[in-house]
């Protein structure tokens, strides 16, 4: 009996770590809204511009629609496959908007200048704090050193008609692709 309980507990832990169980892991088809797009079903943004304006990806969500934010790089083959599925998905769901955020292939360059070490440290700290506010990376500070972990692309965030997150990929010590899993299940469900 103890062995069976242990095996069940082990299975639950494994499913939780794979994202099958746990908060936000369940999929239920978002109900259709009365909203109908008139234009701009897919818009593309440059991350460097959003970052320069200090605009979080959550600001791309539009009230009254489901908004799917996809972060991508040009060489991402998984992104291209997902994007190919967007067109038929959008035909079935006029209440969905896609907001694509293009990340530079070679990363973001940043330079700092100041009259003192204190000023430089403040600029560096501000820069990493801003980077850490985006869900596609995780910034950890140890002493005066920063370490960035990225989740990879595609990076998916899905917002409801109230502009609140429904599902998202999270970047941390343990990356989670729950947003990607959610959008794939949603697209598949719409295919019927």
C-alpha atoms as a PDB file:
ATOM      1  CA  UNK A   1       0.000   0.000   0.000  1.00  0.00           C
ATOM      2  CA  UNK A   2       2.836   2.416   0.859  1.00  0.00           C
ATOM      3  CA  UNK A   3       4.402   1.689  -2.530  1.00  0.00           C
ATOM      4  CA  UNK A   4       1.189   2.637  -4.352  1.00  0.00           C
ATOM      5  CA  UNK A   5       0.894   5.896  -2.415  1.00  0.00           C
ATOM      6  CA  UNK A   6       4.560   6.661  -3.137  1.00  0.00           C
ATOM      7  CA  UNK A   7       4.112   5.968  -6.882  1.00  0.00           C
ATOM      8  CA  UNK A   8       1.002   8.183  -7.026  1.00  0.00           C
ATOM      9  CA  UNK A   9       2.779  10.984  -5.167  1.00  0.00           C
ATOM     10  CA  UNK A  10       5.762  10.679  -7.508  1.00  0.00           C
ATOM     11  CA  UNK A  11       3.462  10.827 -10.543  1.00  0.00           C
ATOM     12  CA  UNK A  12       1.727  13.947  -9.212  1.00  0.00           C
ATOM     13  CA  UNK A  13       5.068  15.682  -8.619  1.00  0.00           C
ATOM     14  CA  UNK A  14       6.219  14.724 -12.131  1.00  0.00           C
ATOM     15  CA  UNK A  15       3.035  16.028 -13.747  1.00  0.00           C
ATOM     16  CA  UNK A  16       3.312  19.248 -11.753  1.00  0.00           C
ATOM     17  CA  UNK A  17       6.876  19.809 -12.942  1.00  0.00           C
ATOM     18  CA  UNK A  18       5.891  19.139 -16.561  1.00  0.00           C
ATOM     19  CA  UNK A  19       3.169  21.769 -16.255  1.00  0.00           C
ATOM     20  CA  UNK A  20       0.285  19.317 -16.634  1.00  0.00           C
ATOM     21  CA  UNK A  21      -0.848  20.062 -13.075  1.00  0.00           C
ATOM     22  CA  UNK A  22      -0.522  23.247 -11.074  1.00  0.00           C
ATOM     23  CA  UNK A  23      -1.685  26.863 -11.272  1.00  0.00           C
ATOM     24  CA  UNK A  24      -2.558  27.980 -14.787  1.00  0.00           C
ATOM     25  CA  UNK A  25      -1.820  24.564 -16.260  1.00  0.00           C
ATOM     26  CA  UNK A  26      -5.402  23.576 -16.886  1.00  0.00           C
ATOM     27  CA  UNK A  27      -6.944  24.439 -20.215  1.00  0.00           C
ATOM     28  CA  UNK A  28     -10.498  25.460 -20.643  1.00  0.00           C
ATOM     29  CA  UNK A  29     -11.613  26.985 -23.905  1.00  0.00           C
ATOM     30  CA  UNK A  30     -12.006  30.758 -23.535  1.00  0.00           C
ATOM     31  CA  UNK A  31     -15.599  31.680 -24.244  1.00  0.00           C
ATOM     32  CA  UNK A  32     -16.235  33.571 -27.462  1.00  0.00           C
ATOM     33  CA  UNK A  33     -16.791  37.282 -27.112  1.00  0.00           C
ATOM     34  CA  UNK A  34     -19.063  39.508 -29.165  1.00  0.00           C
ATOM     35  CA  UNK A  35     -15.998  41.519 -30.238  1.00  0.00           C
ATOM     36  CA  UNK A  36     -15.195  41.527 -33.932  1.00  0.00           C
ATOM     37  CA  UNK A  37     -11.917  42.861 -35.255  1.00  0.00           C
ATOM     38  CA  UNK A  38     -12.073  45.512 -37.912  1.00  0.00           C
ATOM     39  CA  UNK A  39      -8.332  45.570 -38.609  1.00  0.00           C
ATOM     40  CA  UNK A  40      -4.922  45.024 -37.059  1.00  0.00           C
ATOM     41  CA  UNK A  41      -5.498  41.417 -36.047  1.00  0.00           C
ATOM     42  CA  UNK A  42      -1.699  40.943 -36.050  1.00  0.00           C
ATOM     43  CA  UNK A  43       0.701  43.742 -35.135  1.00  0.00           C
ATOM     44  CA  UNK A  44       4.463  43.533 -34.777  1.00  0.00           C
ATOM     45  CA  UNK A  45       6.565  45.499 -32.297  1.00  0.00           C
ATOM     46  CA  UNK A  46      10.303  45.746 -31.759  1.00  0.00           C
ATOM     47  CA  UNK A  47      11.385  44.846 -28.258  1.00  0.00           C
ATOM     48  CA  UNK A  48      14.092  47.525 -28.310  1.00  0.00           C
ATOM     49  CA  UNK A  49      11.422  50.171 -28.887  1.00  0.00           C
ATOM     50  CA  UNK A  50       9.159  48.827 -26.117  1.00  0.00           C
ATOM     51  CA  UNK A  51      12.145  48.656 -23.770  1.00  0.00           C
ATOM     52  CA  UNK A  52      13.273  52.162 -24.699  1.00  0.00           C
ATOM     53  CA  UNK A  53       9.784  53.473 -23.920  1.00  0.00           C
ATOM     54  CA  UNK A  54       9.653  51.385 -20.731  1.00  0.00           C
ATOM     55  CA  UNK A  55       6.436  49.788 -22.033  1.00  0.00           C
ATOM     56  CA  UNK A  56       5.583  46.374 -20.576  1.00  0.00           C
ATOM     57  CA  UNK A  57       4.097  43.746 -22.872  1.00  0.00           C
ATOM     58  CA  UNK A  58       0.898  43.896 -20.804  1.00  0.00           C
ATOM     59  CA  UNK A  59       0.224  47.301 -22.405  1.00  0.00           C
ATOM     60  CA  UNK A  60      -0.240  45.512 -25.732  1.00  0.00           C
ATOM     61  CA  UNK A  61      -3.402  43.838 -24.408  1.00  0.00           C
ATOM     62  CA  UNK A  62      -6.590  45.425 -25.685  1.00  0.00           C
ATOM     63  CA  UNK A  63      -9.724  45.561 -23.576  1.00  0.00           C
ATOM     64  CA  UNK A  64     -12.646  43.559 -24.936  1.00  0.00           C
ATOM     65  CA  UNK A  65     -10.415  41.093 -26.816  1.00  0.00           C
ATOM     66  CA  UNK A  66      -8.216  38.152 -26.031  1.00  0.00           C
ATOM     67  CA  UNK A  67      -4.668  39.272 -26.748  1.00  0.00           C
ATOM     68  CA  UNK A  68      -1.904  36.788 -27.503  1.00  0.00           C
ATOM     69  CA  UNK A  69       1.576  38.277 -27.151  1.00  0.00           C
ATOM     70  CA  UNK A  70       4.243  36.232 -28.927  1.00  0.00           C
ATOM     71  CA  UNK A  71       7.918  37.039 -28.412  1.00  0.00           C
ATOM     72  CA  UNK A  72      10.072  35.694 -31.230  1.00  0.00           C
ATOM     73  CA  UNK A  73      13.402  35.846 -33.034  1.00  0.00           C
ATOM     74  CA  UNK A  74      13.765  35.435 -36.793  1.00  0.00           C
ATOM     75  CA  UNK A  75      15.606  32.105 -36.592  1.00  0.00           C
ATOM     76  CA  UNK A  76      13.024  30.417 -34.316  1.00  0.00           C
ATOM     77  CA  UNK A  77      11.528  27.471 -36.224  1.00  0.00           C
ATOM     78  CA  UNK A  78       9.008  26.726 -33.454  1.00  0.00           C
ATOM     79  CA  UNK A  79       7.817  30.338 -33.749  1.00  0.00           C
ATOM     80  CA  UNK A  80       7.311  29.972 -37.510  1.00  0.00           C
ATOM     81  CA  UNK A  81       5.232  26.812 -37.025  1.00  0.00           C
ATOM     82  CA  UNK A  82       3.091  28.527 -34.379  1.00  0.00           C
ATOM     83  CA  UNK A  83       2.666  31.631 -36.560  1.00  0.00           C
ATOM     84  CA  UNK A  84       1.472  29.456 -39.465  1.00  0.00           C
ATOM     85  CA  UNK A  85      -1.345  28.281 -37.177  1.00  0.00           C
ATOM     86  CA  UNK A  86      -2.382  31.859 -36.331  1.00  0.00           C
ATOM     87  CA  UNK A  87      -4.184  32.607 -39.618  1.00  0.00           C
ATOM     88  CA  UNK A  88      -6.796  29.802 -39.439  1.00  0.00           C
ATOM     89  CA  UNK A  89      -7.116  30.374 -35.686  1.00  0.00           C
ATOM     90  CA  UNK A  90      -7.876  34.072 -36.195  1.00  0.00           C
ATOM     91  CA  UNK A  91     -10.504  33.231 -38.834  1.00  0.00           C
ATOM     92  CA  UNK A  92     -12.376  31.203 -36.201  1.00  0.00           C
ATOM     93  CA  UNK A  93     -11.792  33.695 -33.388  1.00  0.00           C
ATOM     94  CA  UNK A  94     -12.563  37.323 -34.378  1.00  0.00           C
ATOM     95  CA  UNK A  95     -12.257  38.148 -30.668  1.00  0.00           C
ATOM     96  CA  UNK A  96      -8.492  37.436 -30.630  1.00  0.00           C
ATOM     97  CA  UNK A  97      -5.619  39.804 -31.404  1.00  0.00           C
ATOM     98  CA  UNK A  98      -2.009  38.732 -31.934  1.00  0.00           C
ATOM     99  CA  UNK A  99       0.788  41.051 -30.825  1.00  0.00           C
ATOM    100  CA  UNK A 100       4.193  39.848 -31.999  1.00  0.00           C
ATOM    101  CA  UNK A 101       7.288  41.207 -30.230  1.00  0.00           C
ATOM    102  CA  UNK A 102      10.492  40.840 -32.226  1.00  0.00           C
ATOM    103  CA  UNK A 103      13.645  40.320 -30.179  1.00  0.00           C
ATOM    104  CA  UNK A 104      16.985  41.209 -31.763  1.00  0.00           C
ATOM    105  CA  UNK A 105      18.878  38.082 -32.779  1.00  0.00           C
ATOM    106  CA  UNK A 106      22.085  39.252 -31.089  1.00  0.00           C
ATOM    107  CA  UNK A 107      20.571  40.639 -27.908  1.00  0.00           C
ATOM    108  CA  UNK A 108      20.185  44.198 -26.707  1.00  0.00           C
ATOM    109  CA  UNK A 109      23.231  46.401 -26.368  1.00  0.00           C
ATOM    110  CA  UNK A 110      23.415  48.939 -23.592  1.00  0.00           C
ATOM    111  CA  UNK A 111      26.068  51.423 -22.563  1.00  0.00           C
ATOM    112  CA  UNK A 112      26.382  53.376 -19.352  1.00  0.00           C
ATOM    113  CA  UNK A 113      28.157  56.620 -18.547  1.00  0.00           C
ATOM    114  CA  UNK A 114      28.315  58.771 -15.470  1.00  0.00           C
ATOM    115  CA  UNK A 115      30.474  61.021 -13.335  1.00  0.00           C
ATOM    116  CA  UNK A 116      30.833  58.547 -10.493  1.00  0.00           C
ATOM    117  CA  UNK A 117      30.790  54.843  -9.745  1.00  0.00           C
ATOM    118  CA  UNK A 118      27.616  55.393  -7.741  1.00  0.00           C
ATOM    119  CA  UNK A 119      25.903  56.876 -10.815  1.00  0.00           C
ATOM    120  CA  UNK A 120      27.081  53.985 -13.008  1.00  0.00           C
ATOM    121  CA  UNK A 121      25.871  51.449 -10.445  1.00  0.00           C
ATOM    122  CA  UNK A 122      22.478  53.179 -10.356  1.00  0.00           C
ATOM    123  CA  UNK A 123      22.194  53.024 -14.152  1.00  0.00           C
ATOM    124  CA  UNK A 124      23.185  49.355 -14.268  1.00  0.00           C
ATOM    125  CA  UNK A 125      20.745  48.502 -11.484  1.00  0.00           C
ATOM    126  CA  UNK A 126      17.933  50.389 -13.253  1.00  0.00           C
ATOM    127  CA  UNK A 127      18.698  48.631 -16.532  1.00  0.00           C
ATOM    128  CA  UNK A 128      18.544  45.136 -15.015  1.00  0.00           C
ATOM    129  CA  UNK A 129      15.458  45.999 -12.980  1.00  0.00           C
ATOM    130  CA  UNK A 130      13.689  47.055 -16.174  1.00  0.00           C
ATOM    131  CA  UNK A 131      14.824  43.888 -17.987  1.00  0.00           C
ATOM    132  CA  UNK A 132      13.539  41.817 -15.083  1.00  0.00           C
ATOM    133  CA  UNK A 133      10.086  43.382 -15.374  1.00  0.00           C
ATOM    134  CA  UNK A 134       9.513  41.503 -18.647  1.00  0.00           C
ATOM    135  CA  UNK A 135       8.297  37.914 -18.227  1.00  0.00           C
ATOM    136  CA  UNK A 136      10.608  36.446 -20.863  1.00  0.00           C
ATOM    137  CA  UNK A 137      13.697  36.656 -18.695  1.00  0.00           C
ATOM    138  CA  UNK A 138      14.763  36.272 -15.112  1.00  0.00           C
ATOM    139  CA  UNK A 139      17.332  38.586 -13.563  1.00  0.00           C
ATOM    140  CA  UNK A 140      19.169  37.482 -10.437  1.00  0.00           C
ATOM    141  CA  UNK A 141      21.528  39.737  -8.520  1.00  0.00           C
ATOM    142  CA  UNK A 142      24.388  38.446  -6.418  1.00  0.00           C
ATOM    143  CA  UNK A 143      26.481  41.197  -4.859  1.00  0.00           C
ATOM    144  CA  UNK A 144      27.328  43.558  -7.717  1.00  0.00           C
ATOM    145  CA  UNK A 145      26.837  40.892 -10.405  1.00  0.00           C
ATOM    146  CA  UNK A 146      23.699  40.257 -12.445  1.00  0.00           C
ATOM    147  CA  UNK A 147      22.731  37.042 -14.167  1.00  0.00           C
ATOM    148  CA  UNK A 148      20.053  36.888 -16.842  1.00  0.00           C
ATOM    149  CA  UNK A 149      18.211  33.696 -17.708  1.00  0.00           C
ATOM    150  CA  UNK A 150      15.964  33.768 -20.773  1.00  0.00           C
ATOM    151  CA  UNK A 151      13.068  31.445 -21.449  1.00  0.00           C
ATOM    152  CA  UNK A 152      13.658  31.176 -25.158  1.00  0.00           C
ATOM    153  CA  UNK A 153      11.216  31.713 -27.963  1.00  0.00           C
ATOM    154  CA  UNK A 154       8.442  31.579 -28.652  1.00  0.00           C
ATOM    155  CA  UNK A 155       7.486  33.393 -25.490  1.00  0.00           C
ATOM    156  CA  UNK A 156       3.710  33.512 -25.004  1.00  0.00           C
ATOM    157  CA  UNK A 157       1.514  35.704 -22.824  1.00  0.00           C
ATOM    158  CA  UNK A 158      -2.283  35.508 -23.150  1.00  0.00           C
ATOM    159  CA  UNK A 159      -4.494  38.263 -21.771  1.00  0.00           C
ATOM    160  CA  UNK A 160      -8.251  38.149 -21.306  1.00  0.00           C
ATOM    161  CA  UNK A 161     -10.752  40.820 -22.323  1.00  0.00           C
ATOM    162  CA  UNK A 162     -10.163  42.483 -18.948  1.00  0.00           C
ATOM    163  CA  UNK A 163      -6.413  42.755 -19.822  1.00  0.00           C
ATOM    164  CA  UNK A 164      -5.559  40.256 -17.072  1.00  0.00           C
ATOM    165  CA  UNK A 165      -3.259  37.297 -17.710  1.00  0.00           C
ATOM    166  CA  UNK A 166      -4.940  34.011 -18.541  1.00  0.00           C
ATOM    167  CA  UNK A 167      -1.736  32.068 -19.203  1.00  0.00           C
ATOM    168  CA  UNK A 168       1.926  32.925 -19.593  1.00  0.00           C
ATOM    169  CA  UNK A 169       5.374  31.501 -19.999  1.00  0.00           C
ATOM    170  CA  UNK A 170       7.459  32.305 -16.946  1.00  0.00           C
ATOM    171  CA  UNK A 171      11.182  32.606 -16.739  1.00  0.00           C
ATOM    172  CA  UNK A 172      12.759  31.826 -13.390  1.00  0.00           C
ATOM    173  CA  UNK A 173      15.094  29.261 -11.939  1.00  0.00           C
ATOM    174  CA  UNK A 174      12.680  26.758 -13.514  1.00  0.00           C
ATOM    175  CA  UNK A 175      11.271  27.886 -16.851  1.00  0.00           C
ATOM    176  CA  UNK A 176       7.615  27.270 -17.594  1.00  0.00           C
ATOM    177  CA  UNK A 177       6.019  27.226 -21.041  1.00  0.00           C
ATOM    178  CA  UNK A 178       2.415  27.190 -19.790  1.00  0.00           C
ATOM    179  CA  UNK A 179       1.466  30.031 -22.135  1.00  0.00           C
ATOM    180  CA  UNK A 180       2.773  28.121 -25.159  1.00  0.00           C
ATOM    181  CA  UNK A 181       0.990  24.949 -24.041  1.00  0.00           C
ATOM    182  CA  UNK A 182      -2.236  26.930 -23.554  1.00  0.00           C
ATOM    183  CA  UNK A 183      -2.186  28.575 -27.005  1.00  0.00           C
ATOM    184  CA  UNK A 184      -1.377  25.271 -28.694  1.00  0.00           C
ATOM    185  CA  UNK A 185      -4.301  23.567 -26.947  1.00  0.00           C
ATOM    186  CA  UNK A 186      -6.574  26.494 -27.818  1.00  0.00           C
ATOM    187  CA  UNK A 187      -5.597  26.426 -31.503  1.00  0.00           C
ATOM    188  CA  UNK A 188      -6.083  22.655 -31.584  1.00  0.00           C
ATOM    189  CA  UNK A 189      -9.508  22.939 -29.912  1.00  0.00           C
ATOM    190  CA  UNK A 190     -10.598  25.516 -32.488  1.00  0.00           C
ATOM    191  CA  UNK A 191      -9.663  23.136 -35.304  1.00  0.00           C
ATOM    192  CA  UNK A 192     -12.318  20.851 -33.879  1.00  0.00           C
END
